[in-house]
Every structure is written in structure tokens, then in C-alpha cells.
Amino acid sequence: MRYSLQTPGKRVRPLLLLAAARGLGTSIETALPFATALEMIHAYSLIHDDLPAMDDDELRRGQPTNHVLFGDGMATLAGDGLLTEAFCLLMACGADPALTLLIAGKFARAAGVQGMVGGQAADLMAEGLQSGDDKGVAAADGDTRGDRAELLRAIHRRKTGELLQVSAVAGALLAGAESAQLAAADDFGLHFGLAFQIADDIKDELLDTKSTGKRAGGDRARGKLTYPAVHGVARSLELGRAELAAALAALAPLGPAGELLQYIANSSVVPVFERAAD
């Protein structure tokens, strides 16, 4: 559990939560247990995502994946433990009980079948669909329209976007944000989540293992439904930039918190977009 929690990474989700909370007037000390729990949930998801039954990756953040070092069984348990302990941490953090329960519920929904887990399931079922097999699209998400682009957006929205979106919203909630600020945080997270995943898809398509910390070209090798596979790199870059612009446009009501969130968003995806444009 400690190994995967402490591997080097951007820590985007806890940073978003801390930025929103601190920028709107809450202390780091108050927000830190919630940010830590969020990173524990994310770390669990990466352990399980890397397992042979899922993406079968041997590298994560430039280091051996959990199951490579500790075996499939222990890695599964490490992921289970991180998810469970995340909620134990929240229940014991000493914050306002009603607010803690509200945020814990949002974390659970974002990580569960309506969010990340549901998106991962659809992602697995959609493997191989970039070749144009629209029959499989309905099976992947119950969608009878056979639209790979719409399915792709829905998968990314749930698989990655939900947890990023709830990061900013939770920080705003901890600060007692007004309804307009909560709506702004929610809108920012929605668009930034998509921009972040598009950047990740582009990175996997174009960059080498040393740059990504993961096996280069792994998504294409597994037949993943990604933005470059569906739209091509150039169009994916346009869509990613549009989502980032929409995310940043939503930040005006958040004042200093908006400036912090803008910095995190730009530093997370702009370097990838710039390299893709070269």
C-alpha cells in the first residue's frame, strides 16, 4: 500500500482539492485528510488498473507496478486496503460530521459504478472498437446509436473525469463555498477532467516510455478506444485545447482559488499539447 501511494507522480487530484480549499479560505490542515483520502482512492485504482486481468502494465510512474513486485494477490489486497482505508481516514478526521459524510458520499459516487469503476468497465468492453466495430459500442455502454466518439467521451468522463471533478468540488465544499462557486468548481472539473484524459491519450500515442513512465503505445497495442484512435492526433489536440479553455473559463467566480486551479490545470496538460503540436 505504501509503495503505490508514495511512487512519484503529479498528485493532481489532491492538489486540486487543496487549491480550491486554500484559495477559498480553508486551512491546509483541515483539507489535508480529504486530499490524502482522494490520493489513496486514486492509488488503489492504479494498482488494479495495472493488473494482468486489466491493462497488464509492468511500469507505472517509471517504477515497477505493484503486482510485478508483490504478486497479483497482494496487489489486489493492497488496492482493496487503500480504498477501504481512505474512508476510514475520512471518518476519523474530526471535521464536521455532516460535511464529512457529504464529501465521502461524493467520493464514493465518483469512484463507483456511476463513475470511475463504471467507466473502467466500459473501457474494457470497448477494447478493439477503434477499428469501427460499432456493434460492440452498444455492449460497452448500453448505447444503441453506435457512435464511437460519444462512447469515448462517456468513458473518459466517468473513468477519469468524475474523480478530478469531485476533487475541486470537495475543496470548495470544505471552504463553505457559495452556490455559484460550487457550480464553477464543478464546471471546471468537468472540462478539465476531459482535457486531462485527452492529454494522457495523446501522451501514450506519441511519447516514449521514459517520458510517460508507462509502456509506450500500450493503449494502441490493447486496442483501447482513445481520442487519437478515434479522432487522430491533430483533432484530439484541438478537442483537448477546447476542453482546457472551457475549464479555465469557468474559474472566474473562484478568485484566488481559480488562479491556483488554473496553474495546476495548465501545468498538467499544456506541456503535452505543446509537444504534440511540434
C-alpha atoms as a PDB file:
ATOM      1  CA  MET A   1       0.000   0.000   0.000  1.00  0.00           C
ATOM      2  CA  ARG A   2       2.761   2.437   0.921  1.00  0.00           C
ATOM      3  CA  TYR A   3       4.746   1.572  -2.200  1.00  0.00           C
ATOM      4  CA  SER A   4       1.992   2.599  -4.615  1.00  0.00           C
ATOM      5  CA  LEU A   5       0.899   5.568  -2.530  1.00  0.00           C
ATOM      6  CA  GLN A   6       4.426   7.006  -2.458  1.00  0.00           C
ATOM      7  CA  THR A   7       5.596   6.453  -6.042  1.00  0.00           C
ATOM      8  CA  PRO A   8       6.477   9.733  -7.781  1.00  0.00           C
ATOM      9  CA  GLY A   9       3.550  11.402  -9.529  1.00  0.00           C
ATOM     10  CA  LYS A  10       1.809  14.705 -10.177  1.00  0.00           C
ATOM     11  CA  ARG A  11      -0.765  14.258  -7.350  1.00  0.00           C
ATOM     12  CA  VAL A  12      -3.233  16.271  -9.426  1.00  0.00           C
ATOM     13  CA  ARG A  13      -6.361  15.221  -7.547  1.00  0.00           C
ATOM     14  CA  PRO A  14      -5.228  16.150  -4.028  1.00  0.00           C
ATOM     15  CA  LEU A  15      -3.643  19.322  -5.380  1.00  0.00           C
ATOM     16  CA  LEU A  16      -6.937  20.392  -6.933  1.00  0.00           C
ATOM     17  CA  LEU A  17      -8.730  19.800  -3.650  1.00  0.00           C
ATOM     18  CA  LEU A  18      -6.107  21.675  -1.628  1.00  0.00           C
ATOM     19  CA  ALA A  19      -6.027  24.549  -4.121  1.00  0.00           C
ATOM     20  CA  ALA A  20      -9.799  25.019  -4.054  1.00  0.00           C
ATOM     21  CA  ALA A  21      -9.975  24.749  -0.276  1.00  0.00           C
ATOM     22  CA  ARG A  22      -6.996  27.003   0.471  1.00  0.00           C
ATOM     23  CA  GLY A  23      -7.875  29.537  -2.204  1.00  0.00           C
ATOM     24  CA  LEU A  24     -11.369  29.910  -0.737  1.00  0.00           C
ATOM     25  CA  GLY A  25     -10.122  30.332   2.804  1.00  0.00           C
ATOM     26  CA  THR A  26      -9.788  26.907   4.436  1.00  0.00           C
ATOM     27  CA  SER A  27      -6.563  25.807   6.130  1.00  0.00           C
ATOM     28  CA  ILE A  28      -4.367  23.124   4.602  1.00  0.00           C
ATOM     29  CA  GLU A  29      -4.612  21.201   7.871  1.00  0.00           C
ATOM     30  CA  THR A  30      -8.391  20.944   7.540  1.00  0.00           C
ATOM     31  CA  ALA A  31      -8.280  19.881   3.910  1.00  0.00           C
ATOM     32  CA  LEU A  32      -5.305  17.510   4.066  1.00  0.00           C
ATOM     33  CA  PRO A  33      -7.155  14.357   5.286  1.00  0.00           C
ATOM     34  CA  PHE A  34      -9.632  14.713   2.407  1.00  0.00           C
ATOM     35  CA  ALA A  35      -6.825  15.229  -0.109  1.00  0.00           C
ATOM     36  CA  THR A  36      -4.972  12.222   1.273  1.00  0.00           C
ATOM     37  CA  ALA A  37      -8.067  10.029   1.078  1.00  0.00           C
ATOM     38  CA  LEU A  38      -8.558  11.098  -2.524  1.00  0.00           C
ATOM     39  CA  GLU A  39      -4.997  10.110  -3.428  1.00  0.00           C
ATOM     40  CA  MET A  40      -5.476   6.753  -1.676  1.00  0.00           C
ATOM     41  CA  ILE A  41      -8.537   6.094  -3.838  1.00  0.00           C
ATOM     42  CA  HIS A  42      -6.597   7.037  -6.954  1.00  0.00           C
ATOM     43  CA  ALA A  43      -3.622   4.858  -5.969  1.00  0.00           C
ATOM     44  CA  TYR A  44      -5.930   1.886  -5.440  1.00  0.00           C
ATOM     45  CA  SER A  45      -7.384   2.371  -8.912  1.00  0.00           C
ATOM     46  CA  LEU A  46      -3.923   2.406 -10.495  1.00  0.00           C
ATOM     47  CA  ILE A  47      -2.910  -0.841  -8.758  1.00  0.00           C
ATOM     48  CA  HIS A  48      -5.997  -2.622 -10.049  1.00  0.00           C
ATOM     49  CA  ASP A  49      -5.758  -0.997 -13.485  1.00  0.00           C
ATOM     50  CA  ASP A  50      -2.227  -2.364 -13.913  1.00  0.00           C
ATOM     51  CA  LEU A  51      -3.123  -5.976 -13.034  1.00  0.00           C
ATOM     52  CA  PRO A  52      -2.779  -8.664 -15.739  1.00  0.00           C
ATOM     53  CA  ALA A  53      -6.570  -9.064 -15.807  1.00  0.00           C
ATOM     54  CA  MET A  54      -6.913  -5.367 -16.668  1.00  0.00           C
ATOM     55  CA  ASP A  55      -4.209  -3.481 -18.599  1.00  0.00           C
ATOM     56  CA  ASP A  56      -1.308  -5.789 -17.682  1.00  0.00           C
ATOM     57  CA  ASP A  57       1.234  -2.999 -17.249  1.00  0.00           C
ATOM     58  CA  GLU A  58       4.694  -3.552 -15.810  1.00  0.00           C
ATOM     59  CA  LEU A  59       5.561   0.116 -15.282  1.00  0.00           C
ATOM     60  CA  ARG A  60       3.751   2.943 -13.500  1.00  0.00           C
ATOM     61  CA  ARG A  61       5.315   6.361 -12.948  1.00  0.00           C
ATOM     62  CA  GLY A  62       8.607   4.924 -14.150  1.00  0.00           C
ATOM     63  CA  GLN A  63       8.691   2.187 -11.497  1.00  0.00           C
ATOM     64  CA  PRO A  64       7.620  -1.478 -11.445  1.00  0.00           C
ATOM     65  CA  THR A  65       3.896  -1.851 -10.896  1.00  0.00           C
ATOM     66  CA  ASN A  66       2.631  -3.256  -7.617  1.00  0.00           C
ATOM     67  CA  HIS A  67       1.844  -6.745  -8.889  1.00  0.00           C
ATOM     68  CA  VAL A  68       5.259  -7.066 -10.504  1.00  0.00           C
ATOM     69  CA  LEU A  69       6.918  -6.589  -7.108  1.00  0.00           C
ATOM     70  CA  PHE A  70       4.418  -8.203  -4.772  1.00  0.00           C
ATOM     71  CA  GLY A  71       2.338 -10.581  -6.909  1.00  0.00           C
ATOM     72  CA  ASP A  72      -1.214 -10.357  -8.201  1.00  0.00           C
ATOM     73  CA  GLY A  73      -2.882 -11.415  -4.965  1.00  0.00           C
ATOM     74  CA  MET A  74      -1.049  -8.979  -2.725  1.00  0.00           C
ATOM     75  CA  ALA A  75      -1.525  -6.185  -5.250  1.00  0.00           C
ATOM     76  CA  THR A  76      -5.268  -6.824  -5.282  1.00  0.00           C
ATOM     77  CA  LEU A  77      -5.320  -6.675  -1.493  1.00  0.00           C
ATOM     78  CA  ALA A  78      -3.199  -3.521  -1.469  1.00  0.00           C
ATOM     79  CA  GLY A  79      -5.744  -1.827  -3.724  1.00  0.00           C
ATOM     80  CA  ASP A  80      -8.631  -3.063  -1.603  1.00  0.00           C
ATOM     81  CA  GLY A  81      -6.850  -1.822   1.510  1.00  0.00           C
ATOM     82  CA  LEU A  82      -6.192   1.654   0.128  1.00  0.00           C
ATOM     83  CA  LEU A  83      -9.813   2.112  -0.916  1.00  0.00           C
ATOM     84  CA  THR A  84     -11.119   0.999   2.467  1.00  0.00           C
ATOM     85  CA  GLU A  85      -8.584   2.954   4.498  1.00  0.00           C
ATOM     86  CA  ALA A  86      -9.395   6.110   2.543  1.00  0.00           C
ATOM     87  CA  PHE A  87     -12.893   6.110   4.031  1.00  0.00           C
ATOM     88  CA  CYS A  88     -11.586   5.111   7.462  1.00  0.00           C
ATOM     89  CA  LEU A  89      -9.363   8.196   7.315  1.00  0.00           C
ATOM     90  CA  LEU A  90     -12.319  10.418   6.453  1.00  0.00           C
ATOM     91  CA  MET A  91     -14.463   9.026   9.253  1.00  0.00           C
ATOM     92  CA  ALA A  92     -11.697   9.704  11.798  1.00  0.00           C
ATOM     93  CA  CYS A  93     -10.510  13.100  10.559  1.00  0.00           C
ATOM     94  CA  GLY A  94     -12.503  15.144  13.082  1.00  0.00           C
ATOM     95  CA  ALA A  95     -14.112  17.515  10.571  1.00  0.00           C
ATOM     96  CA  ASP A  96     -17.784  18.484  10.721  1.00  0.00           C
ATOM     97  CA  PRO A  97     -19.683  15.152  10.553  1.00  0.00           C
ATOM     98  CA  ALA A  98     -22.355  16.310   8.109  1.00  0.00           C
ATOM     99  CA  LEU A  99     -19.810  17.830   5.750  1.00  0.00           C
ATOM    100  CA  THR A 100     -17.553  14.786   6.008  1.00  0.00           C
ATOM    101  CA  LEU A 101     -20.453  12.488   5.179  1.00  0.00           C
ATOM    102  CA  LEU A 102     -21.418  14.660   2.198  1.00  0.00           C
ATOM    103  CA  ILE A 103     -17.898  14.639   0.765  1.00  0.00           C
ATOM    104  CA  ALA A 104     -17.377  10.937   1.471  1.00  0.00           C
ATOM    105  CA  GLY A 105     -20.575  10.229  -0.448  1.00  0.00           C
ATOM    106  CA  LYS A 106     -19.331  12.279  -3.387  1.00  0.00           C
ATOM    107  CA  PHE A 107     -16.009  10.423  -3.337  1.00  0.00           C
ATOM    108  CA  ALA A 108     -17.817   7.079  -3.302  1.00  0.00           C
ATOM    109  CA  ARG A 109     -20.066   8.015  -6.200  1.00  0.00           C
ATOM    110  CA  ALA A 110     -17.163   9.370  -8.279  1.00  0.00           C
ATOM    111  CA  ALA A 111     -15.147   6.200  -7.659  1.00  0.00           C
ATOM    112  CA  GLY A 112     -18.011   3.710  -8.035  1.00  0.00           C
ATOM    113  CA  VAL A 113     -20.172   2.226 -10.746  1.00  0.00           C
ATOM    114  CA  GLN A 114     -21.583   5.593 -11.803  1.00  0.00           C
ATOM    115  CA  GLY A 115     -18.066   6.999 -12.071  1.00  0.00           C
ATOM    116  CA  MET A 116     -14.582   5.501 -12.294  1.00  0.00           C
ATOM    117  CA  VAL A 117     -15.429   1.795 -11.939  1.00  0.00           C
ATOM    118  CA  GLY A 118     -18.280   2.061 -14.436  1.00  0.00           C
ATOM    119  CA  GLY A 119     -16.019   3.929 -16.843  1.00  0.00           C
ATOM    120  CA  GLN A 120     -13.303   1.299 -16.465  1.00  0.00           C
ATOM    121  CA  ALA A 121     -15.826  -1.453 -17.176  1.00  0.00           C
ATOM    122  CA  ALA A 122     -16.989   0.301 -20.344  1.00  0.00           C
ATOM    123  CA  ASP A 123     -13.352   0.890 -21.305  1.00  0.00           C
ATOM    124  CA  LEU A 124     -12.613  -2.845 -21.060  1.00  0.00           C
ATOM    125  CA  MET A 125     -15.702  -3.746 -23.074  1.00  0.00           C
ATOM    126  CA  ALA A 126     -14.802  -1.216 -25.753  1.00  0.00           C
ATOM    127  CA  GLU A 127     -11.307  -2.588 -26.415  1.00  0.00           C
ATOM    128  CA  GLY A 128     -10.844  -3.189 -30.143  1.00  0.00           C
ATOM    129  CA  LEU A 129     -13.612  -0.820 -31.233  1.00  0.00           C
ATOM    130  CA  GLN A 130     -11.330   1.773 -32.815  1.00  0.00           C
ATOM    131  CA  SER A 131     -11.388  -0.357 -35.958  1.00  0.00           C
ATOM    132  CA  GLY A 132     -15.022   0.633 -36.481  1.00  0.00           C
ATOM    133  CA  ASP A 133     -16.885  -2.314 -34.981  1.00  0.00           C
ATOM    134  CA  ASP A 134     -19.944  -0.319 -33.933  1.00  0.00           C
ATOM    135  CA  LYS A 135     -21.766  -3.454 -32.785  1.00  0.00           C
ATOM    136  CA  GLY A 136     -19.556  -3.510 -29.741  1.00  0.00           C
ATOM    137  CA  VAL A 137     -20.288   0.085 -28.830  1.00  0.00           C
ATOM    138  CA  ALA A 138     -23.767  -0.725 -27.561  1.00  0.00           C
ATOM    139  CA  ALA A 139     -22.379  -3.571 -25.470  1.00  0.00           C
ATOM    140  CA  ALA A 140     -19.786  -1.283 -23.943  1.00  0.00           C
ATOM    141  CA  ASP A 141     -22.186   1.310 -22.584  1.00  0.00           C
ATOM    142  CA  GLY A 142     -25.727   0.265 -23.407  1.00  0.00           C
ATOM    143  CA  ASP A 143     -25.712   2.749 -26.295  1.00  0.00           C
ATOM    144  CA  THR A 144     -27.602   1.677 -29.395  1.00  0.00           C
ATOM    145  CA  ARG A 145     -26.521   4.652 -31.506  1.00  0.00           C
ATOM    146  CA  GLY A 146     -23.211   3.091 -32.474  1.00  0.00           C
ATOM    147  CA  ASP A 147     -21.313   6.358 -32.008  1.00  0.00           C
ATOM    148  CA  ARG A 148     -17.706   5.715 -31.004  1.00  0.00           C
ATOM    149  CA  ALA A 149     -16.974   9.390 -30.397  1.00  0.00           C
ATOM    150  CA  GLU A 150     -19.864   9.730 -27.952  1.00  0.00           C
ATOM    151  CA  LEU A 151     -18.939   6.493 -26.206  1.00  0.00           C
ATOM    152  CA  LEU A 152     -15.337   7.640 -25.930  1.00  0.00           C
ATOM    153  CA  ARG A 153     -16.386  10.886 -24.260  1.00  0.00           C
ATOM    154  CA  ALA A 154     -18.689   8.995 -21.875  1.00  0.00           C
ATOM    155  CA  ILE A 155     -15.943   6.541 -20.906  1.00  0.00           C
ATOM    156  CA  HIS A 156     -13.405   9.295 -20.262  1.00  0.00           C
ATOM    157  CA  ARG A 157     -15.961  11.375 -18.413  1.00  0.00           C
ATOM    158  CA  ARG A 158     -16.570   8.540 -15.965  1.00  0.00           C
ATOM    159  CA  LYS A 159     -13.181   6.810 -15.873  1.00  0.00           C
ATOM    160  CA  THR A 160     -11.087   9.925 -15.239  1.00  0.00           C
ATOM    161  CA  GLY A 161     -13.306  12.987 -15.167  1.00  0.00           C
ATOM    162  CA  GLU A 162     -15.519  12.149 -12.201  1.00  0.00           C
ATOM    163  CA  LEU A 163     -12.661  11.886  -9.690  1.00  0.00           C
ATOM    164  CA  LEU A 164     -10.987  15.048 -10.981  1.00  0.00           C
ATOM    165  CA  GLN A 165     -14.292  16.889 -10.895  1.00  0.00           C
ATOM    166  CA  VAL A 166     -15.056  15.883  -7.311  1.00  0.00           C
ATOM    167  CA  SER A 167     -11.556  16.997  -6.269  1.00  0.00           C
ATOM    168  CA  ALA A 168     -12.272  20.658  -6.955  1.00  0.00           C
ATOM    169  CA  VAL A 169     -15.851  20.439  -5.675  1.00  0.00           C
ATOM    170  CA  ALA A 170     -14.780  18.841  -2.388  1.00  0.00           C
ATOM    171  CA  GLY A 171     -12.243  21.584  -1.795  1.00  0.00           C
ATOM    172  CA  ALA A 172     -14.896  24.223  -2.391  1.00  0.00           C
ATOM    173  CA  LEU A 173     -17.316  22.438  -0.056  1.00  0.00           C
ATOM    174  CA  LEU A 174     -14.717  22.373   2.713  1.00  0.00           C
ATOM    175  CA  ALA A 175     -14.402  26.137   2.366  1.00  0.00           C
ATOM    176  CA  GLY A 176     -18.145  26.726   2.630  1.00  0.00           C
ATOM    177  CA  ALA A 177     -18.331  27.972  -0.948  1.00  0.00           C
ATOM    178  CA  GLU A 178     -21.429  29.711  -2.265  1.00  0.00           C
ATOM    179  CA  SER A 179     -23.607  28.011  -4.873  1.00  0.00           C
ATOM    180  CA  ALA A 180     -22.061  29.983  -7.747  1.00  0.00           C
ATOM    181  CA  GLN A 181     -18.574  28.951  -6.623  1.00  0.00           C
ATOM    182  CA  LEU A 182     -19.597  25.311  -6.289  1.00  0.00           C
ATOM    183  CA  ALA A 183     -21.053  25.420  -9.788  1.00  0.00           C
ATOM    184  CA  ALA A 184     -17.827  26.961 -11.082  1.00  0.00           C
ATOM    185  CA  ALA A 185     -15.705  24.261  -9.422  1.00  0.00           C
ATOM    186  CA  ASP A 186     -17.983  21.585 -10.855  1.00  0.00           C
ATOM    187  CA  ASP A 187     -17.856  23.052 -14.369  1.00  0.00           C
ATOM    188  CA  PHE A 188     -14.082  23.447 -14.188  1.00  0.00           C
ATOM    189  CA  GLY A 189     -13.664  19.831 -13.102  1.00  0.00           C
ATOM    190  CA  LEU A 190     -15.939  18.526 -15.846  1.00  0.00           C
ATOM    191  CA  HIS A 191     -13.925  20.116 -18.646  1.00  0.00           C
ATOM    192  CA  PHE A 192     -10.508  19.722 -17.067  1.00  0.00           C
ATOM    193  CA  GLY A 193     -11.149  16.014 -16.500  1.00  0.00           C
ATOM    194  CA  LEU A 194     -11.700  15.527 -20.226  1.00  0.00           C
ATOM    195  CA  ALA A 195      -8.711  17.689 -21.156  1.00  0.00           C
ATOM    196  CA  PHE A 196      -6.537  15.677 -18.769  1.00  0.00           C
ATOM    197  CA  GLN A 197      -7.584  12.325 -20.251  1.00  0.00           C
ATOM    198  CA  ILE A 198      -7.192  13.570 -23.824  1.00  0.00           C
ATOM    199  CA  ALA A 199      -3.662  14.691 -22.937  1.00  0.00           C
ATOM    200  CA  ASP A 200      -2.999  11.264 -21.414  1.00  0.00           C
ATOM    201  CA  ASP A 201      -4.248   9.558 -24.592  1.00  0.00           C
ATOM    202  CA  ILE A 202      -2.019  11.765 -26.740  1.00  0.00           C
ATOM    203  CA  LYS A 203       0.949  11.142 -24.472  1.00  0.00           C
ATOM    204  CA  ASP A 204       0.509   7.385 -24.752  1.00  0.00           C
ATOM    205  CA  GLU A 205       0.262   7.661 -28.530  1.00  0.00           C
ATOM    206  CA  LEU A 206       3.297   9.881 -29.148  1.00  0.00           C
ATOM    207  CA  LEU A 207       5.782   9.760 -26.286  1.00  0.00           C
ATOM    208  CA  ASP A 208       8.265   7.093 -25.247  1.00  0.00           C
ATOM    209  CA  THR A 209       8.367   5.060 -22.051  1.00  0.00           C
ATOM    210  CA  LYS A 210      10.900   7.367 -20.425  1.00  0.00           C
ATOM    211  CA  SER A 211       8.586  10.349 -20.897  1.00  0.00           C
ATOM    212  CA  THR A 212       5.355   8.676 -19.803  1.00  0.00           C
ATOM    213  CA  GLY A 213       6.598   6.326 -17.074  1.00  0.00           C
ATOM    214  CA  LYS A 214       4.439   3.605 -18.667  1.00  0.00           C
ATOM    215  CA  ARG A 215       4.815   1.209 -21.577  1.00  0.00           C
ATOM    216  CA  ALA A 216       4.803   3.348 -24.710  1.00  0.00           C
ATOM    217  CA  GLY A 217       1.941   2.687 -27.112  1.00  0.00           C
ATOM    218  CA  GLY A 218       0.165   0.436 -24.627  1.00  0.00           C
ATOM    219  CA  ASP A 219      -3.302   1.809 -25.423  1.00  0.00           C
ATOM    220  CA  ARG A 220      -2.977   1.122 -29.142  1.00  0.00           C
ATOM    221  CA  ALA A 221      -1.487  -2.331 -28.529  1.00  0.00           C
ATOM    222  CA  ARG A 222      -4.537  -3.254 -26.433  1.00  0.00           C
ATOM    223  CA  GLY A 223      -6.982  -1.794 -28.913  1.00  0.00           C
ATOM    224  CA  LYS A 224      -8.162   0.888 -26.482  1.00  0.00           C
ATOM    225  CA  LEU A 225     -10.802   3.355 -27.571  1.00  0.00           C
ATOM    226  CA  THR A 226      -8.762   6.561 -27.237  1.00  0.00           C
ATOM    227  CA  TYR A 227      -9.004  10.048 -28.677  1.00  0.00           C
ATOM    228  CA  PRO A 228      -6.127   9.557 -31.156  1.00  0.00           C
ATOM    229  CA  ALA A 229      -7.594   6.207 -32.232  1.00  0.00           C
ATOM    230  CA  VAL A 230     -10.993   7.775 -32.932  1.00  0.00           C
ATOM    231  CA  HIS A 231     -10.091  11.316 -33.988  1.00  0.00           C
ATOM    232  CA  GLY A 232      -6.391  11.271 -34.864  1.00  0.00           C
ATOM    233  CA  VAL A 233      -3.744  13.268 -33.006  1.00  0.00           C
ATOM    234  CA  ALA A 234      -4.392  16.642 -34.660  1.00  0.00           C
ATOM    235  CA  ARG A 235      -8.129  16.627 -33.953  1.00  0.00           C
ATOM    236  CA  SER A 236      -7.539  15.255 -30.446  1.00  0.00           C
ATOM    237  CA  LEU A 237      -5.236  18.193 -29.790  1.00  0.00           C
ATOM    238  CA  GLU A 238      -7.984  20.607 -30.886  1.00  0.00           C
ATOM    239  CA  LEU A 239     -10.531  18.912 -28.641  1.00  0.00           C
ATOM    240  CA  GLY A 240      -8.153  18.865 -25.686  1.00  0.00           C
ATOM    241  CA  ARG A 241      -7.381  22.549 -26.007  1.00  0.00           C
ATOM    242  CA  ALA A 242     -11.080  23.348 -26.292  1.00  0.00           C
ATOM    243  CA  GLU A 243     -11.827  21.435 -23.078  1.00  0.00           C
ATOM    244  CA  LEU A 244      -8.971  23.191 -21.284  1.00  0.00           C
ATOM    245  CA  ALA A 245     -10.232  26.591 -22.460  1.00  0.00           C
ATOM    246  CA  ALA A 246     -13.731  25.756 -21.189  1.00  0.00           C
ATOM    247  CA  ALA A 247     -12.269  24.648 -17.847  1.00  0.00           C
ATOM    248  CA  LEU A 248     -10.324  27.874 -17.398  1.00  0.00           C
ATOM    249  CA  ALA A 249     -13.291  29.999 -18.458  1.00  0.00           C
ATOM    250  CA  ALA A 250     -15.306  28.537 -15.595  1.00  0.00           C
ATOM    251  CA  LEU A 251     -12.902  29.756 -12.909  1.00  0.00           C
ATOM    252  CA  ALA A 252     -13.838  33.442 -12.700  1.00  0.00           C
ATOM    253  CA  PRO A 253     -16.120  33.162  -9.608  1.00  0.00           C
ATOM    254  CA  LEU A 254     -13.395  31.406  -7.601  1.00  0.00           C
ATOM    255  CA  GLY A 255     -10.965  34.313  -7.186  1.00  0.00           C
ATOM    256  CA  PRO A 256      -7.588  33.211  -5.728  1.00  0.00           C
ATOM    257  CA  ALA A 257      -8.702  29.577  -5.815  1.00  0.00           C
ATOM    258  CA  GLY A 258      -9.302  29.972  -9.540  1.00  0.00           C
ATOM    259  CA  GLU A 259      -5.747  31.191 -10.042  1.00  0.00           C
ATOM    260  CA  LEU A 260      -4.365  28.146  -8.240  1.00  0.00           C
ATOM    261  CA  LEU A 261      -6.602  25.769 -10.196  1.00  0.00           C
ATOM    262  CA  GLN A 262      -5.591  27.451 -13.452  1.00  0.00           C
ATOM    263  CA  TYR A 263      -1.930  26.923 -12.658  1.00  0.00           C
ATOM    264  CA  ILE A 264      -2.455  23.230 -11.874  1.00  0.00           C
ATOM    265  CA  ALA A 265      -4.555  22.692 -14.996  1.00  0.00           C
ATOM    266  CA  ASN A 266      -2.102  24.392 -17.314  1.00  0.00           C
ATOM    267  CA  SER A 267       0.953  22.665 -15.891  1.00  0.00           C
ATOM    268  CA  SER A 268      -0.777  19.277 -16.154  1.00  0.00           C
ATOM    269  CA  VAL A 269      -1.794  19.306 -19.809  1.00  0.00           C
ATOM    270  CA  VAL A 270      -0.232  22.209 -21.712  1.00  0.00           C
ATOM    271  CA  PRO A 271       3.252  20.621 -21.958  1.00  0.00           C
ATOM    272  CA  VAL A 272       1.695  17.549 -23.577  1.00  0.00           C
ATOM    273  CA  PHE A 273      -0.319  19.660 -26.006  1.00  0.00           C
ATOM    274  CA  GLU A 274       2.780  21.671 -26.915  1.00  0.00           C
ATOM    275  CA  ARG A 275       4.824  18.547 -27.612  1.00  0.00           C
ATOM    276  CA  ALA A 276       2.012  17.107 -29.716  1.00  0.00           C
ATOM    277  CA  ALA A 277       1.891  20.305 -31.767  1.00  0.00           C
ATOM    278  CA  ASP A 278       5.612  20.220 -32.583  1.00  0.00           C
END
